[in-house]
Amino acid sequence: MAKGHRSQIKRERNENTKDTRPSAKLSYARVSVQKACFVLDAIRGKDVQTALGILAYNPRYASSVIEKLLKSAIANAENNNGMNADNLYIEECYANKGPTMKRVKPRAQGRAYRIEKRMSHITIVLNER
């Protein structure tokens, strides 16, 4: 049987399985998952300098949001993990579904149509080559 308090045992177990890759997460981004994934698919697997160039000239709204998130992930890698920004590449990037704001738009003959304003949680995980 293990020695120590249950919370101490859990803490030690979690330290061993902790992911040390630098990452950044943006919760409740006001862009739908489908629209964010178009941009994320374009930069997945690329090195960070190439990805920043792609995001700078991409006309979609999601690219400006993801560019800011990528810069945050690069800063996390440099400051927290001591990695060199030139050797970094995007190992994982994905968007998960967030909550949906439901709004009503008036239509003809007294009807009301529902408008769904979707949100997403975007995550970028970097690694060194």
C-alpha atoms as a PDB file:
ATOM      1  CA  MET A   1       0.000   0.000   0.000  1.00  0.00           C
ATOM      2  CA  ALA A   2       1.235   3.504  -0.840  1.00  0.00           C
ATOM      3  CA  LYS A   3       2.526   5.771   1.885  1.00  0.00           C
ATOM      4  CA  GLY A   4       1.275   9.305   2.430  1.00  0.00           C
ATOM      5  CA  HIS A   5      -1.949  11.198   2.090  1.00  0.00           C
ATOM      6  CA  ARG A   6      -4.174  10.640  -0.932  1.00  0.00           C
ATOM      7  CA  SER A   7      -3.632  14.185  -2.246  1.00  0.00           C
ATOM      8  CA  GLN A   8       0.142  13.781  -1.924  1.00  0.00           C
ATOM      9  CA  ILE A   9       0.046  10.503  -3.860  1.00  0.00           C
ATOM     10  CA  LYS A  10      -2.036  12.140  -6.616  1.00  0.00           C
ATOM     11  CA  ARG A  11       0.327  15.126  -6.763  1.00  0.00           C
ATOM     12  CA  GLU A  12       3.371  12.861  -7.195  1.00  0.00           C
ATOM     13  CA  ARG A  13       1.611  10.787  -9.859  1.00  0.00           C
ATOM     14  CA  ASN A  14       0.577  13.910 -11.808  1.00  0.00           C
ATOM     15  CA  GLU A  15       4.118  15.333 -11.721  1.00  0.00           C
ATOM     16  CA  ASN A  16       5.379  12.234 -13.511  1.00  0.00           C
ATOM     17  CA  THR A  17       2.797  12.434 -16.309  1.00  0.00           C
ATOM     18  CA  LYS A  18       2.869  16.215 -16.770  1.00  0.00           C
ATOM     19  CA  ASP A  19       3.222  17.492 -20.350  1.00  0.00           C
ATOM     20  CA  THR A  20       6.265  19.794 -20.527  1.00  0.00           C
ATOM     21  CA  ARG A  21       5.714  21.052 -24.081  1.00  0.00           C
ATOM     22  CA  PRO A  22       5.084  24.812 -24.307  1.00  0.00           C
ATOM     23  CA  SER A  23       1.513  25.695 -25.193  1.00  0.00           C
ATOM     24  CA  ALA A  24      -1.063  28.453 -25.171  1.00  0.00           C
ATOM     25  CA  LYS A  25      -4.830  28.196 -24.956  1.00  0.00           C
ATOM     26  CA  LEU A  26      -7.485  30.753 -25.820  1.00  0.00           C
ATOM     27  CA  SER A  27     -10.891  30.066 -24.311  1.00  0.00           C
ATOM     28  CA  TYR A  28     -14.161  31.570 -25.520  1.00  0.00           C
ATOM     29  CA  ALA A  29     -12.803  32.904 -28.823  1.00  0.00           C
ATOM     30  CA  ARG A  30     -15.653  34.501 -30.780  1.00  0.00           C
ATOM     31  CA  VAL A  31     -15.027  32.451 -33.901  1.00  0.00           C
ATOM     32  CA  SER A  32     -16.660  29.155 -34.825  1.00  0.00           C
ATOM     33  CA  VAL A  33     -14.686  25.906 -34.742  1.00  0.00           C
ATOM     34  CA  GLN A  34     -15.085  25.363 -38.480  1.00  0.00           C
ATOM     35  CA  LYS A  35     -13.675  28.787 -39.351  1.00  0.00           C
ATOM     36  CA  ALA A  36     -10.788  28.434 -36.885  1.00  0.00           C
ATOM     37  CA  CYS A  37      -9.894  24.993 -38.267  1.00  0.00           C
ATOM     38  CA  PHE A  38      -9.391  26.400 -41.790  1.00  0.00           C
ATOM     39  CA  VAL A  39      -6.573  28.557 -40.431  1.00  0.00           C
ATOM     40  CA  LEU A  40      -5.190  25.917 -38.043  1.00  0.00           C
ATOM     41  CA  ASP A  41      -4.930  23.349 -40.849  1.00  0.00           C
ATOM     42  CA  ALA A  42      -2.757  25.792 -42.816  1.00  0.00           C
ATOM     43  CA  ILE A  43      -0.138  26.131 -40.045  1.00  0.00           C
ATOM     44  CA  ARG A  44      -0.109  22.640 -38.476  1.00  0.00           C
ATOM     45  CA  GLY A  45       3.379  21.088 -38.565  1.00  0.00           C
ATOM     46  CA  LYS A  46       5.108  24.242 -39.823  1.00  0.00           C
ATOM     47  CA  ASP A  47       7.937  26.038 -38.037  1.00  0.00           C
ATOM     48  CA  VAL A  48       6.869  29.163 -36.150  1.00  0.00           C
ATOM     49  CA  GLN A  49       8.432  31.716 -38.540  1.00  0.00           C
ATOM     50  CA  THR A  50       6.605  30.209 -41.531  1.00  0.00           C
ATOM     51  CA  ALA A  51       3.377  29.988 -39.529  1.00  0.00           C
ATOM     52  CA  LEU A  52       3.598  33.659 -38.503  1.00  0.00           C
ATOM     53  CA  GLY A  53       4.094  34.599 -42.167  1.00  0.00           C
ATOM     54  CA  ILE A  54       1.047  32.560 -43.213  1.00  0.00           C
ATOM     55  CA  LEU A  55      -1.081  34.114 -40.474  1.00  0.00           C
ATOM     56  CA  ALA A  56       0.045  37.665 -41.289  1.00  0.00           C
ATOM     57  CA  TYR A  57      -1.228  37.432 -44.875  1.00  0.00           C
ATOM     58  CA  ASN A  58      -4.292  35.266 -44.314  1.00  0.00           C
ATOM     59  CA  PRO A  59      -7.461  37.359 -44.840  1.00  0.00           C
ATOM     60  CA  ARG A  60      -9.634  35.421 -42.374  1.00  0.00           C
ATOM     61  CA  TYR A  61     -10.590  36.944 -39.010  1.00  0.00           C
ATOM     62  CA  ALA A  62      -9.482  33.827 -37.132  1.00  0.00           C
ATOM     63  CA  SER A  63      -5.908  34.274 -38.370  1.00  0.00           C
ATOM     64  CA  SER A  64      -5.422  37.473 -36.342  1.00  0.00           C
ATOM     65  CA  VAL A  65      -6.682  35.728 -33.203  1.00  0.00           C
ATOM     66  CA  ILE A  66      -4.491  32.666 -33.809  1.00  0.00           C
ATOM     67  CA  GLU A  67      -1.445  34.829 -34.602  1.00  0.00           C
ATOM     68  CA  LYS A  68      -1.718  36.469 -31.186  1.00  0.00           C
ATOM     69  CA  LEU A  69      -2.090  33.037 -29.562  1.00  0.00           C
ATOM     70  CA  LEU A  70       0.961  31.676 -31.419  1.00  0.00           C
ATOM     71  CA  LYS A  71       3.078  34.620 -30.260  1.00  0.00           C
ATOM     72  CA  SER A  72       1.974  33.854 -26.701  1.00  0.00           C
ATOM     73  CA  ALA A  73       2.985  30.191 -27.089  1.00  0.00           C
ATOM     74  CA  ILE A  74       6.407  31.254 -28.435  1.00  0.00           C
ATOM     75  CA  ALA A  75       6.887  33.581 -25.450  1.00  0.00           C
ATOM     76  CA  ASN A  76       5.915  30.740 -23.089  1.00  0.00           C
ATOM     77  CA  ALA A  77       8.512  28.477 -24.730  1.00  0.00           C
ATOM     78  CA  GLU A  78      11.268  31.076 -24.394  1.00  0.00           C
ATOM     79  CA  ASN A  79      10.511  32.262 -20.856  1.00  0.00           C
ATOM     80  CA  ASN A  80       9.202  29.151 -19.103  1.00  0.00           C
ATOM     81  CA  ASN A  81      11.080  26.363 -20.907  1.00  0.00           C
ATOM     82  CA  GLY A  82      14.207  28.222 -22.089  1.00  0.00           C
ATOM     83  CA  MET A  83      13.767  27.065 -25.695  1.00  0.00           C
ATOM     84  CA  ASN A  84      15.155  28.813 -28.760  1.00  0.00           C
ATOM     85  CA  ALA A  85      12.410  30.356 -30.940  1.00  0.00           C
ATOM     86  CA  ASP A  86      14.257  29.440 -34.159  1.00  0.00           C
ATOM     87  CA  ASN A  87      13.976  25.694 -33.455  1.00  0.00           C
ATOM     88  CA  LEU A  88      10.260  25.651 -32.575  1.00  0.00           C
ATOM     89  CA  TYR A  89       7.502  24.155 -34.692  1.00  0.00           C
ATOM     90  CA  ILE A  90       3.768  23.675 -34.229  1.00  0.00           C
ATOM     91  CA  GLU A  91       3.274  20.108 -33.060  1.00  0.00           C
ATOM     92  CA  GLU A  92      -0.453  20.302 -32.274  1.00  0.00           C
ATOM     93  CA  CYS A  93      -3.130  22.891 -32.902  1.00  0.00           C
ATOM     94  CA  TYR A  94      -6.834  22.338 -32.556  1.00  0.00           C
ATOM     95  CA  ALA A  95     -10.108  24.096 -31.816  1.00  0.00           C
ATOM     96  CA  ASN A  96     -12.751  22.645 -29.521  1.00  0.00           C
ATOM     97  CA  LYS A  97     -16.379  23.684 -29.362  1.00  0.00           C
ATOM     98  CA  GLY A  98     -17.264  26.321 -26.793  1.00  0.00           C
ATOM     99  CA  PRO A  99     -20.622  27.645 -25.630  1.00  0.00           C
ATOM    100  CA  THR A 100     -23.081  29.109 -28.113  1.00  0.00           C
ATOM    101  CA  MET A 101     -24.810  32.451 -27.594  1.00  0.00           C
ATOM    102  CA  LYS A 102     -28.391  32.281 -28.810  1.00  0.00           C
ATOM    103  CA  ARG A 103     -29.922  35.441 -30.232  1.00  0.00           C
ATOM    104  CA  VAL A 104     -33.252  36.158 -31.928  1.00  0.00           C
ATOM    105  CA  LYS A 105     -33.653  38.008 -35.213  1.00  0.00           C
ATOM    106  CA  PRO A 106     -37.113  39.287 -36.174  1.00  0.00           C
ATOM    107  CA  ARG A 107     -38.354  38.138 -39.574  1.00  0.00           C
ATOM    108  CA  ALA A 108     -41.359  38.713 -41.791  1.00  0.00           C
ATOM    109  CA  GLN A 109     -44.941  38.187 -40.591  1.00  0.00           C
ATOM    110  CA  GLY A 110     -44.046  38.272 -36.894  1.00  0.00           C
ATOM    111  CA  ARG A 111     -41.740  35.281 -36.980  1.00  0.00           C
ATOM    112  CA  ALA A 112     -38.453  35.073 -35.123  1.00  0.00           C
ATOM    113  CA  TYR A 113     -35.364  33.221 -36.337  1.00  0.00           C
ATOM    114  CA  ARG A 114     -32.682  32.011 -33.956  1.00  0.00           C
ATOM    115  CA  ILE A 115     -29.128  33.155 -34.581  1.00  0.00           C
ATOM    116  CA  GLU A 116     -26.354  31.106 -32.993  1.00  0.00           C
ATOM    117  CA  LYS A 117     -23.110  32.925 -32.271  1.00  0.00           C
ATOM    118  CA  ARG A 118     -20.607  30.150 -31.764  1.00  0.00           C
ATOM    119  CA  MET A 119     -17.432  30.214 -29.682  1.00  0.00           C
ATOM    120  CA  SER A 120     -14.393  27.969 -29.582  1.00  0.00           C
ATOM    121  CA  HIS A 121     -11.456  27.047 -27.377  1.00  0.00           C
ATOM    122  CA  ILE A 122      -8.239  27.174 -29.433  1.00  0.00           C
ATOM    123  CA  THR A 123      -5.045  25.406 -28.307  1.00  0.00           C
ATOM    124  CA  ILE A 124      -1.536  25.535 -29.804  1.00  0.00           C
ATOM    125  CA  VAL A 125       1.221  23.162 -28.625  1.00  0.00           C
ATOM    126  CA  LEU A 126       4.836  23.740 -29.735  1.00  0.00           C
ATOM    127  CA  ASN A 127       7.926  21.553 -29.680  1.00  0.00           C
ATOM    128  CA  GLU A 128      11.619  21.823 -30.550  1.00  0.00           C
ATOM    129  CA  ARG A 129      13.220  20.239 -33.611  1.00  0.00           C
END
